[in-house]
């Protein structure tokens, strides 16, 4: 296995780019990436716990999770910048555990851009091609092609200090792109940008992926980035995968409480309650006096007196007429323009409700709240597993 110490990649020529010798023009750029039982330990403490993941040719896979969950470590193990404590990494059916980073034919786009300040944009993009002794004409062709695709042709003679954050990120993408790698690796590339630029660059990265068709693995802690960019998302927590799926399935059918609470903005309301029997039905109480009958498939799996956790997304609650829902008091209102988020006190229990457009409600105002029960979830609180829909 490669040693943990990767200081050999920190020379001036290669600190910014761990990946490999450029491919020859015309070669296939898609590769399948497979992780089998991948583990990583530091000083005896395991931080990645037996990760299995199969990423298809041309797929855009996002690894998402809170800071410190191991996702960037996994990306660096794929690149060869971190040693593998156990398990295997395959790129296009070739095991690469002991393959030098340059031999893996991956290109990595970093969080900090890592551009040389004394070089022009053209020189930064073409640096690795020149180091690999690609012909001058071929370097010019590839740099011009990448600049056109990324809409930075007018910037080629500027230096990094003359560029905005979004422009620098395009240059970093261009530098990776010209090598025609088998796999693109993105390590939180938008975290240094402001909110407006992040939205713009998300669209650019999606367009970039559609244009190249190259397998891409993207690490972020931002679930909005994950949901908007990914073909599939792997949700990580404490060095383990909690769930893998397309963005819609993660949103609609989270497999456990961690995924339910992590995916979605504003976050899902999680309400602890007790199962009871009333008038021949198995019911749960969302708030004092607000009872809902459990879905029969869930009801048979729980007993009266057992605790469960209800998961209700703010957008699946609504403001209704008094006869259609319990009274609630407005505690807080957050207006974003397209939506208004309201924190409501329902019988002493706080819930968030997301309503469309600007809705002005005074703090202390009494409203009434309703729920689409078919869109809510029931979780087993002990292990966090989803039991099924509420109704």
Protein backbone atom coordinates (compact mmCIF):
# COMPACT_ATOMS: atom_id res chain seq x y z
CA UNK A 1 0.00 0.00 0.00
CA UNK A 2 1.18 3.57 -0.63
CA UNK A 3 2.72 5.16 2.46
CA UNK A 4 0.73 7.75 4.40
CA UNK A 5 3.48 10.32 3.92
CA UNK A 6 2.82 11.94 0.56
CA UNK A 7 5.28 14.78 0.97
CA UNK A 8 6.84 13.74 -2.32
CA UNK A 9 3.88 15.47 -4.02
CA UNK A 10 4.60 18.81 -2.42
CA UNK A 11 7.26 20.05 -4.79
CA UNK A 12 6.64 23.32 -6.64
CA UNK A 13 5.84 21.41 -9.78
CA UNK A 14 3.23 19.08 -8.32
CA UNK A 15 1.77 20.38 -5.06
CA UNK A 16 -1.39 21.52 -6.83
CA UNK A 17 -1.92 18.45 -8.97
CA UNK A 18 -1.55 14.91 -7.64
CA UNK A 19 -2.84 13.15 -10.61
CA UNK A 20 -0.99 11.75 -13.50
CA UNK A 21 0.45 11.88 -16.91
CA UNK A 22 -1.95 13.39 -19.47
CA UNK A 23 -3.76 11.01 -21.75
CA UNK A 24 -3.29 11.03 -25.46
CA UNK A 25 -5.98 12.78 -27.45
CA UNK A 26 -8.79 10.55 -28.61
CA UNK A 27 -8.67 8.06 -25.76
CA UNK A 28 -11.81 7.11 -23.84
CA UNK A 29 -12.31 9.31 -20.81
CA UNK A 30 -14.85 7.27 -18.86
CA UNK A 31 -14.02 4.82 -16.11
CA UNK A 32 -15.85 2.86 -13.46
CA UNK A 33 -14.60 3.38 -9.89
CA UNK A 34 -15.18 0.69 -7.27
CA UNK A 35 -14.39 0.86 -3.58
CA UNK A 36 -14.39 -2.45 -1.68
CA UNK A 37 -14.13 -2.57 2.11
CA UNK A 38 -12.14 0.67 2.15
CA UNK A 39 -10.66 1.56 5.54
CA UNK A 40 -8.36 4.27 6.84
CA UNK A 41 -6.73 4.55 10.25
CA UNK A 42 -4.54 7.21 11.80
CA UNK A 43 -2.42 6.20 14.81
CA UNK A 44 -4.70 3.25 15.43
CA UNK A 45 -7.91 5.25 15.23
CA UNK A 46 -10.12 4.20 12.32
CA UNK A 47 -11.78 7.10 10.47
CA UNK A 48 -13.15 5.24 7.42
CA UNK A 49 -14.98 2.01 8.24
CA UNK A 50 -15.25 -0.51 5.41
CA UNK A 51 -16.78 1.63 2.65
CA UNK A 52 -18.24 -0.14 -0.40
CA UNK A 53 -19.25 2.01 -3.38
CA UNK A 54 -19.65 1.35 -7.11
CA UNK A 55 -19.50 4.43 -9.36
CA UNK A 56 -20.50 3.85 -12.97
CA UNK A 57 -18.79 5.07 -16.12
CA UNK A 58 -19.69 8.71 -16.72
CA UNK A 59 -21.59 9.07 -13.45
CA UNK A 60 -21.52 12.22 -11.33
CA UNK A 61 -21.31 10.87 -7.78
CA UNK A 62 -21.41 13.25 -4.81
CA UNK A 63 -20.04 12.28 -1.39
CA UNK A 64 -21.84 14.45 1.17
CA UNK A 65 -21.74 14.62 4.93
CA UNK A 66 -20.72 16.82 7.86
CA UNK A 67 -17.15 17.97 8.35
CA UNK A 68 -14.89 15.19 9.60
CA UNK A 69 -17.01 12.31 8.29
CA UNK A 70 -14.20 10.91 6.08
CA UNK A 71 -15.39 11.94 2.63
CA UNK A 72 -12.27 13.96 1.67
CA UNK A 73 -10.06 11.17 3.00
CA UNK A 74 -11.82 8.74 0.67
CA UNK A 75 -11.30 11.10 -2.27
CA UNK A 76 -7.59 11.34 -1.46
CA UNK A 77 -7.32 7.54 -1.23
CA UNK A 78 -8.83 7.30 -4.72
CA UNK A 79 -6.27 9.84 -5.95
CA UNK A 80 -3.41 8.04 -4.23
CA UNK A 81 -2.60 10.90 -1.87
CA UNK A 82 -3.55 8.86 1.20
CA UNK A 83 -2.45 5.34 1.98
CA UNK A 84 -5.14 2.65 2.25
CA UNK A 85 -5.26 0.83 5.58
CA UNK A 86 -7.47 -1.97 4.22
CA UNK A 87 -9.73 -2.66 1.28
CA UNK A 88 -9.32 -2.02 -2.43
CA UNK A 89 -9.76 0.75 -4.99
CA UNK A 90 -10.43 -0.15 -8.62
CA UNK A 91 -10.41 2.28 -11.53
CA UNK A 92 -11.76 0.75 -14.72
CA UNK A 93 -11.35 -2.79 -13.31
CA UNK A 94 -7.68 -2.19 -12.40
CA UNK A 95 -6.74 -2.34 -8.74
CA UNK A 96 -4.75 0.83 -7.99
CA UNK A 97 -3.91 0.45 -4.28
CA UNK A 98 -0.19 0.44 -4.98
CA UNK A 99 -0.26 2.47 -8.19
CA UNK A 100 1.56 5.79 -8.05
CA UNK A 101 -0.84 8.77 -8.20
CA UNK A 102 0.53 9.67 -11.63
CA UNK A 103 -0.41 6.26 -12.95
CA UNK A 104 -4.07 6.47 -11.92
CA UNK A 105 -5.04 9.00 -14.59
CA UNK A 106 -7.26 11.06 -12.32
CA UNK A 107 -7.48 14.85 -12.14
CA UNK A 108 -8.23 16.65 -8.89
CA UNK A 109 -9.80 20.08 -8.45
CA UNK A 110 -8.99 21.50 -5.03
CA UNK A 111 -10.78 23.83 -2.67
CA UNK A 112 -8.03 26.47 -2.79
CA UNK A 113 -7.53 26.53 -6.62
CA UNK A 114 -3.72 26.15 -6.20
CA UNK A 115 -2.79 28.41 -9.12
CA UNK A 116 0.74 29.72 -9.58
CA UNK A 117 0.56 33.50 -9.10
CA UNK A 118 3.51 34.28 -11.40
CA UNK A 119 2.02 32.35 -14.33
CA UNK A 120 -0.68 33.46 -16.73
CA UNK A 121 -3.95 31.57 -17.01
CA UNK A 122 -2.65 29.92 -20.19
CA UNK A 123 0.53 28.82 -18.43
CA UNK A 124 -1.35 27.50 -15.38
CA UNK A 125 -3.73 25.44 -17.51
CA UNK A 126 -0.97 24.00 -19.69
CA UNK A 127 1.63 23.42 -16.95
CA UNK A 128 1.18 19.66 -16.53
CA UNK A 129 1.08 19.13 -20.27
CA UNK A 130 4.41 20.92 -20.63
CA UNK A 131 5.93 18.96 -17.73
CA UNK A 132 4.84 15.78 -19.51
CA UNK A 133 6.59 16.95 -22.70
CA UNK A 134 3.43 17.22 -24.77
CA UNK A 135 4.19 19.04 -28.00
CA UNK A 136 3.76 22.82 -28.04
CA UNK A 137 1.05 22.70 -30.72
CA UNK A 138 -0.89 20.09 -28.75
CA UNK A 139 -0.62 22.15 -25.55
CA UNK A 140 -1.97 25.21 -27.37
CA UNK A 141 -4.81 23.17 -28.88
CA UNK A 142 -5.90 21.63 -25.58
CA UNK A 143 -5.63 24.87 -23.61
CA UNK A 144 -7.63 26.79 -26.21
CA UNK A 145 -10.26 24.02 -26.31
CA UNK A 146 -10.64 24.03 -22.51
CA UNK A 147 -10.75 27.84 -22.37
CA UNK A 148 -13.52 27.91 -24.95
CA UNK A 149 -15.58 25.32 -23.10
CA UNK A 150 -15.15 27.18 -19.80
CA UNK A 151 -15.68 30.63 -21.34
CA UNK A 152 -12.31 31.99 -20.15
CA UNK A 153 -10.73 32.70 -23.56
CA UNK A 154 -10.49 36.41 -22.73
CA UNK A 155 -8.59 35.62 -19.51
CA UNK A 156 -5.74 33.53 -20.92
CA UNK A 157 -3.12 36.28 -20.62
CA UNK A 158 -4.12 37.39 -17.10
CA UNK A 159 -2.57 36.26 -13.84
CA UNK A 160 -4.55 34.75 -10.93
CA UNK A 161 -4.49 37.99 -8.92
CA UNK A 162 -6.50 39.62 -11.72
CA UNK A 163 -9.29 37.02 -11.53
CA UNK A 164 -12.41 36.63 -9.42
CA UNK A 165 -12.96 33.53 -7.32
CA UNK A 166 -15.27 32.02 -9.91
CA UNK A 167 -12.76 32.68 -12.70
CA UNK A 168 -9.96 31.06 -10.69
CA UNK A 169 -12.11 28.00 -10.17
CA UNK A 170 -12.70 27.77 -13.93
CA UNK A 171 -8.95 27.92 -14.48
CA UNK A 172 -8.44 25.11 -11.96
CA UNK A 173 -11.07 23.06 -13.81
CA UNK A 174 -9.37 23.82 -17.12
CA UNK A 175 -6.02 22.63 -15.77
CA UNK A 176 -7.61 19.32 -14.80
CA UNK A 177 -9.61 19.08 -18.00
CA UNK A 178 -6.74 19.38 -20.50
CA UNK A 179 -5.25 16.10 -19.33
CA UNK A 180 -8.35 14.18 -20.48
CA UNK A 181 -8.41 12.07 -17.29
CA UNK A 182 -10.41 8.93 -16.63
CA UNK A 183 -11.89 10.43 -13.46
CA UNK A 184 -12.39 13.96 -12.14
CA UNK A 185 -12.14 14.40 -8.36
CA UNK A 186 -13.60 17.58 -6.83
CA UNK A 187 -12.73 18.38 -3.20
CA UNK A 188 -15.17 21.05 -1.93
CA UNK A 189 -14.34 23.29 -4.91
CA UNK A 190 -17.00 25.93 -4.19
CA UNK A 191 -16.58 26.40 -0.45
CA UNK A 192 -14.51 29.60 -0.86
CA UNK A 193 -17.07 31.33 -3.09
CA UNK A 194 -19.92 33.60 -2.07
CA UNK A 195 -23.52 32.41 -2.36
CA UNK A 196 -24.20 33.94 -5.79
CA UNK A 197 -21.01 32.53 -7.29
CA UNK A 198 -21.71 29.09 -5.83
CA UNK A 199 -25.03 28.98 -7.68
CA UNK A 200 -23.34 30.08 -10.90
CA UNK A 201 -20.48 27.61 -10.55
CA UNK A 202 -22.83 24.72 -9.79
CA UNK A 203 -24.39 25.32 -13.19
CA UNK A 204 -20.93 25.55 -14.78
CA UNK A 205 -19.79 22.26 -13.24
CA UNK A 206 -22.97 20.52 -14.36
CA UNK A 207 -22.50 21.85 -17.88
CA UNK A 208 -18.85 20.82 -17.77
CA UNK A 209 -19.80 17.27 -16.82
CA UNK A 210 -22.41 17.01 -19.56
CA UNK A 211 -19.86 18.22 -22.11
CA UNK A 212 -17.05 15.86 -21.08
CA UNK A 213 -19.04 12.82 -19.91
CA UNK A 214 -16.17 11.91 -17.60
CA UNK A 215 -16.76 10.00 -14.37
CA UNK A 216 -16.78 12.58 -11.58
CA UNK A 217 -16.60 12.22 -7.79
CA UNK A 218 -17.46 15.39 -5.90
CA UNK A 219 -17.02 15.97 -2.15
CA UNK A 220 -19.08 18.56 -0.28
CA UNK A 221 -20.67 19.20 3.11
CA UNK A 222 -23.40 21.26 1.40
CA UNK A 223 -26.47 19.15 0.78
CA UNK A 224 -27.84 21.73 -1.69
CA UNK A 225 -24.75 21.18 -3.86
CA UNK A 226 -25.21 17.44 -3.53
CA UNK A 227 -28.87 17.49 -4.50
CA UNK A 228 -28.45 19.83 -7.47
CA UNK A 229 -25.30 18.31 -9.00
CA UNK A 230 -25.47 14.56 -8.47
CA UNK A 231 -26.67 11.65 -10.52
CA UNK A 232 -26.37 9.78 -7.22
CA UNK A 233 -25.45 10.85 -3.71
CA UNK A 234 -23.61 8.87 -1.03
CA UNK A 235 -24.45 10.27 2.41
CA UNK A 236 -21.60 9.81 4.89
CA UNK A 237 -21.59 9.92 8.67
CA UNK A 238 -18.61 9.11 10.92
CA UNK A 239 -16.71 7.25 8.21
CA UNK A 240 -19.64 5.14 7.01
CA UNK A 241 -22.16 5.36 4.20
CA UNK A 242 -25.68 5.87 5.53
CA UNK A 243 -27.48 5.74 2.18
CA UNK A 244 -26.76 5.88 -1.55
CA UNK A 245 -29.35 6.97 -4.08
CA UNK A 246 -30.48 9.57 -6.52
CA UNK A 247 -31.41 12.95 -4.99
CA UNK A 248 -35.16 12.40 -5.26
CA UNK A 249 -35.09 9.01 -3.51
CA UNK A 250 -32.95 10.41 -0.68
CA UNK A 251 -35.43 13.25 -0.23
CA UNK A 252 -38.59 11.14 -0.48
CA UNK A 253 -37.43 7.95 1.26
CA UNK A 254 -34.59 8.57 3.71
CA UNK A 255 -33.56 5.23 5.19
CA UNK A 256 -32.73 6.55 8.63
CA UNK A 257 -32.88 9.55 10.93
CA UNK A 258 -29.43 10.81 9.98
CA UNK A 259 -30.27 11.04 6.27
CA UNK A 260 -33.70 12.46 7.06
CA UNK A 261 -32.19 15.23 9.15
CA UNK A 262 -29.28 15.95 6.83
CA UNK A 263 -31.07 16.07 3.47
CA UNK A 264 -33.52 18.91 2.94
CA UNK A 265 -33.50 22.64 3.66
CA UNK A 266 -34.95 23.75 6.02
CA UNK A 267 -34.22 20.57 7.95
CA UNK A 268 -36.93 18.00 8.60
CA UNK A 269 -38.93 18.36 11.82
CA UNK A 270 -38.12 15.34 14.02
CA UNK A 271 -40.74 14.73 16.70
CA UNK A 272 -40.45 12.08 19.41
CA UNK A 273 -43.79 10.61 20.42
CA UNK A 274 -45.45 7.51 21.88
CA UNK A 275 -47.70 5.02 20.08
CA UNK A 276 -51.15 4.64 21.64
CA UNK A 277 -54.38 2.78 20.91
CA UNK A 278 -57.50 4.92 20.60
CA UNK A 279 -60.95 3.92 19.30
CA UNK A 280 -59.55 0.76 17.73
CA UNK A 281 -56.76 2.57 15.90
CA UNK A 282 -53.01 2.80 16.45
CA UNK A 283 -52.24 6.52 16.68
CA UNK A 284 -49.39 8.92 17.38
CA UNK A 285 -49.58 12.43 18.74
CA UNK A 286 -47.77 15.11 16.73
CA UNK A 287 -48.57 17.70 19.39
CA UNK A 288 -51.00 17.74 22.34
CA UNK A 289 -54.45 17.07 20.87
CA UNK A 290 -53.11 16.59 17.32
CA UNK A 291 -53.37 12.84 16.71
CA UNK A 292 -52.88 10.88 13.51
CA UNK A 293 -53.62 7.20 12.81
CA UNK A 294 -50.57 5.21 11.76
CA UNK A 295 -50.25 3.59 8.36
CA UNK A 296 -51.43 -0.05 8.89
CA UNK A 297 -48.12 -1.43 7.59
CA UNK A 298 -46.28 0.56 10.26
CA UNK A 299 -48.91 -0.05 12.96
CA UNK A 300 -48.30 -3.81 12.91
CA UNK A 301 -44.58 -3.24 13.50
CA UNK A 302 -44.98 -1.20 16.70
CA UNK A 303 -46.74 -1.74 20.00
CA UNK A 304 -48.75 0.59 22.20
CA UNK A 305 -46.43 2.45 24.54
CA UNK A 306 -43.48 2.19 22.16
CA UNK A 307 -41.63 5.39 21.27
CA UNK A 308 -41.20 6.42 17.64
CA UNK A 309 -39.85 9.51 15.90
CA UNK A 310 -41.96 11.31 13.31
CA UNK A 311 -40.17 13.02 10.43
CA UNK A 312 -42.13 15.88 8.84
CA UNK A 313 -40.59 18.18 6.26
CA UNK A 314 -41.49 21.88 6.71
CA UNK A 315 -42.79 22.04 3.13
CA UNK A 316 -45.26 19.23 3.85
CA UNK A 317 -46.95 21.33 6.54
CA UNK A 318 -49.27 24.16 5.54
CA UNK A 319 -51.42 26.92 6.94
CA UNK A 320 -55.08 25.92 6.86
CA UNK A 321 -58.52 27.12 7.90
CA UNK A 322 -59.31 26.73 11.63
CA UNK A 323 -61.58 23.74 11.06
CA UNK A 324 -58.79 21.80 9.27
CA UNK A 325 -55.96 21.90 11.79
CA UNK A 326 -54.83 22.75 15.31
CA UNK A 327 -54.00 26.26 16.44
CA UNK A 328 -50.36 27.37 16.48
CA UNK A 329 -48.55 30.53 17.54
CA UNK A 330 -45.95 32.17 15.30
CA UNK A 331 -42.57 32.24 17.05
CA UNK A 332 -40.34 33.34 14.18
CA UNK A 333 -40.63 34.25 10.49
CA UNK A 334 -37.84 34.08 7.89
CA UNK A 335 -38.75 35.59 4.53
CA UNK A 336 -36.51 34.75 1.56
CA UNK A 337 -38.77 36.12 -1.16
CA UNK A 338 -39.74 32.90 -2.92
CA UNK A 339 -40.63 31.28 0.40
CA UNK A 340 -41.39 32.07 4.02
CA UNK A 341 -40.25 29.79 6.85
CA UNK A 342 -42.33 29.99 10.01
CA UNK A 343 -41.45 28.55 13.38
CA UNK A 344 -44.70 27.65 15.11
CA UNK A 345 -45.55 26.62 18.65
CA UNK A 346 -48.18 23.89 18.42
CA UNK A 347 -49.31 22.98 21.92
CA UNK A 348 -45.85 23.58 23.34
CA UNK A 349 -44.01 21.80 20.52
CA UNK A 350 -41.96 23.82 18.00
CA UNK A 351 -42.21 22.95 14.30
CA UNK A 352 -41.07 24.70 11.14
CA UNK A 353 -43.50 25.29 8.27
CA UNK A 354 -42.39 26.36 4.80
CA UNK A 355 -44.93 28.30 2.74
CA UNK A 356 -44.62 29.81 -0.72
CA UNK A 357 -43.91 33.46 -1.49
CA UNK A 358 -43.83 36.31 1.02
CA UNK A 359 -46.30 35.78 3.83
CA UNK A 360 -46.26 38.35 6.61
CA UNK A 361 -47.15 37.01 10.02
CA UNK A 362 -46.63 38.81 13.32
CA UNK A 363 -44.78 37.15 16.17
CA UNK A 364 -47.48 35.83 18.51
CA UNK A 365 -50.10 35.61 15.76
CA UNK A 366 -52.36 32.54 15.92
CA UNK A 367 -52.58 30.43 12.75
CA UNK A 368 -53.72 26.86 12.05
CA UNK A 369 -51.51 24.15 10.64
CA UNK A 370 -52.22 21.09 8.50
CA UNK A 371 -50.15 18.11 7.33
CA UNK A 372 -50.00 15.83 4.31
CA UNK A 373 -49.58 12.63 6.34
CA UNK A 374 -48.66 10.49 3.31
CA UNK A 375 -45.45 12.52 2.94
CA UNK A 376 -44.37 12.20 6.59
CA UNK A 377 -42.21 9.38 7.97
CA UNK A 378 -42.01 7.14 11.05
CA UNK A 379 -38.60 6.13 12.42
CA UNK A 380 -37.52 3.66 15.08
CA UNK A 381 -35.68 5.94 17.53
CA UNK A 382 -33.37 3.25 18.93
CA UNK A 383 -31.54 2.55 15.67
CA UNK A 384 -32.95 5.39 13.57
CA UNK A 385 -34.27 3.12 10.81
CA UNK A 386 -37.29 4.22 8.80
CA UNK A 387 -40.40 2.12 9.46
CA UNK A 388 -42.50 3.64 6.68
CA UNK A 389 -44.78 6.55 5.85
CA UNK A 390 -46.93 8.05 8.59
CA UNK A 391 -50.19 7.36 6.73
